[in-house]
Amino acid sequence: MSNEKRYTPSVSLTPKEKKWLEMKADEVGVSYTRYMKEVALGKRTQAGELMGKDNRLKQILQALAPIGNNINQIAKKANETGHIYEQFFRDARQELNDLQIKILEELQ
């Protein structure tokens, strides 16, 4: 172990939050403390865990990126012009609705 000074951060959690984190740590086979440290340092992501377990969820997560880009473009135009392009908004909303249905189907 290094001679560097070590810090012990304090995090306030509800019992339900703590239990959930313990469960997630157990699922990936690491200690609760290690799991918290790795997530905090960006060495472990929950999305990464999902993608490793099921390729269908990876596809769903990848489908979110262009939808988010569309929404950002709508917001940019609305801010620039003071108007919302209704068709773009309806299309993005439909894409989100379709994806929501797909996610719910995958979770069942």
Protein backbone atom coordinates (compact mmCIF):
# COMPACT_ATOMS: atom_id res chain seq x y z
CA MET A 1 0.00 0.00 0.00
CA SER A 2 1.17 3.49 -0.85
CA ASN A 3 2.18 6.03 1.78
CA GLU A 4 -0.23 8.53 0.23
CA LYS A 5 -2.74 10.12 2.53
CA ARG A 6 -6.12 8.37 2.25
CA TYR A 7 -9.55 9.98 2.56
CA THR A 8 -12.76 8.35 3.67
CA PRO A 9 -15.71 10.19 2.16
CA SER A 10 -19.05 10.13 3.88
CA VAL A 11 -22.20 9.57 1.84
CA SER A 12 -25.70 9.82 3.25
CA LEU A 13 -27.97 7.04 1.96
CA THR A 14 -31.41 5.83 2.82
CA PRO A 15 -31.63 2.17 3.89
CA LYS A 16 -33.27 1.40 0.53
CA GLU A 17 -30.44 3.07 -1.41
CA LYS A 18 -27.79 1.21 0.60
CA LYS A 19 -29.55 -2.11 0.06
CA TRP A 20 -29.77 -1.43 -3.68
CA LEU A 21 -26.04 -0.62 -3.89
CA GLU A 22 -25.18 -3.74 -1.90
CA MET A 23 -27.31 -5.80 -4.28
CA LYS A 24 -25.59 -4.27 -7.33
CA ALA A 25 -22.16 -4.94 -5.82
CA ASP A 26 -23.15 -8.53 -5.13
CA GLU A 27 -24.41 -8.96 -8.71
CA VAL A 28 -21.01 -8.04 -10.15
CA GLY A 29 -19.08 -9.93 -7.47
CA VAL A 30 -17.30 -7.12 -5.64
CA SER A 31 -17.57 -5.66 -2.18
CA TYR A 32 -20.00 -2.84 -1.47
CA THR A 33 -17.09 -0.46 -0.75
CA ARG A 34 -15.23 -1.40 -3.93
CA TYR A 35 -18.39 -1.04 -5.99
CA MET A 36 -19.06 2.46 -4.60
CA LYS A 37 -15.43 3.50 -5.24
CA GLU A 38 -15.38 2.16 -8.81
CA VAL A 39 -18.69 3.80 -9.71
CA ALA A 40 -17.58 7.11 -8.16
CA LEU A 41 -14.28 7.04 -10.08
CA GLY A 42 -15.98 6.10 -13.36
CA LYS A 43 -14.33 2.68 -13.50
CA ARG A 44 -17.67 0.90 -13.40
CA THR A 45 -20.95 2.07 -14.88
CA GLN A 46 -24.38 0.63 -14.42
CA ALA A 47 -25.07 1.04 -18.13
CA GLY A 48 -21.92 -0.97 -18.82
CA GLU A 49 -23.17 -3.74 -16.58
CA LEU A 50 -26.48 -3.82 -18.43
CA MET A 51 -24.77 -3.90 -21.80
CA GLY A 52 -22.55 -6.75 -20.69
CA LYS A 53 -25.58 -8.80 -19.65
CA ASP A 54 -27.85 -8.27 -22.61
CA ASN A 55 -27.07 -7.06 -26.11
CA ARG A 56 -30.70 -5.98 -26.61
CA LEU A 57 -30.32 -3.39 -23.87
CA LYS A 58 -27.14 -2.14 -25.53
CA GLN A 59 -29.11 -1.61 -28.73
CA ILE A 60 -31.78 0.31 -26.82
CA LEU A 61 -29.18 2.54 -25.17
CA GLN A 62 -27.58 3.21 -28.56
CA ALA A 63 -30.99 4.16 -29.96
CA LEU A 64 -31.28 6.91 -27.35
CA ALA A 65 -28.32 8.90 -28.72
CA PRO A 66 -29.89 10.07 -32.00
CA ILE A 67 -33.18 10.81 -30.25
CA GLY A 68 -31.31 13.00 -27.78
CA ASN A 69 -29.56 14.74 -30.66
CA ASN A 70 -32.92 15.41 -32.32
CA ILE A 71 -34.29 16.93 -29.13
CA ASN A 72 -31.18 19.11 -28.77
CA GLN A 73 -31.62 20.35 -32.34
CA ILE A 74 -35.28 21.16 -31.66
CA ALA A 75 -34.30 23.09 -28.53
CA LYS A 76 -31.54 24.97 -30.39
CA LYS A 77 -33.90 26.04 -33.18
CA ALA A 78 -36.58 27.02 -30.70
CA ASN A 79 -34.08 29.19 -28.81
CA GLU A 80 -32.75 30.76 -32.01
CA THR A 81 -36.10 31.52 -33.61
CA GLY A 82 -38.56 31.60 -30.73
CA HIS A 83 -40.61 28.96 -32.54
CA ILE A 84 -40.95 25.22 -32.17
CA TYR A 85 -41.12 23.19 -35.35
CA GLU A 86 -44.15 21.06 -34.58
CA GLN A 87 -43.31 18.19 -36.94
CA PHE A 88 -39.80 17.74 -35.51
CA PHE A 89 -41.25 17.74 -32.01
CA ARG A 90 -43.94 15.19 -32.94
CA ASP A 91 -41.36 12.93 -34.63
CA ALA A 92 -39.03 13.01 -31.61
CA ARG A 93 -41.92 12.36 -29.25
CA GLN A 94 -43.00 9.36 -31.36
CA GLU A 95 -39.45 7.97 -31.35
CA LEU A 96 -39.35 8.26 -27.56
CA ASN A 97 -42.75 6.58 -27.22
CA ASP A 98 -41.64 3.72 -29.49
CA LEU A 99 -38.44 3.29 -27.50
CA GLN A 100 -40.33 3.34 -24.21
CA ILE A 101 -42.54 0.49 -25.45
CA LYS A 102 -39.46 -1.46 -26.56
CA ILE A 103 -37.79 -0.98 -23.17
CA LEU A 104 -40.90 -2.11 -21.30
CA GLU A 105 -41.17 -5.19 -23.52
CA GLU A 106 -37.52 -6.07 -22.84
CA LEU A 107 -37.98 -5.72 -19.10
CA GLN A 108 -40.92 -8.13 -19.01
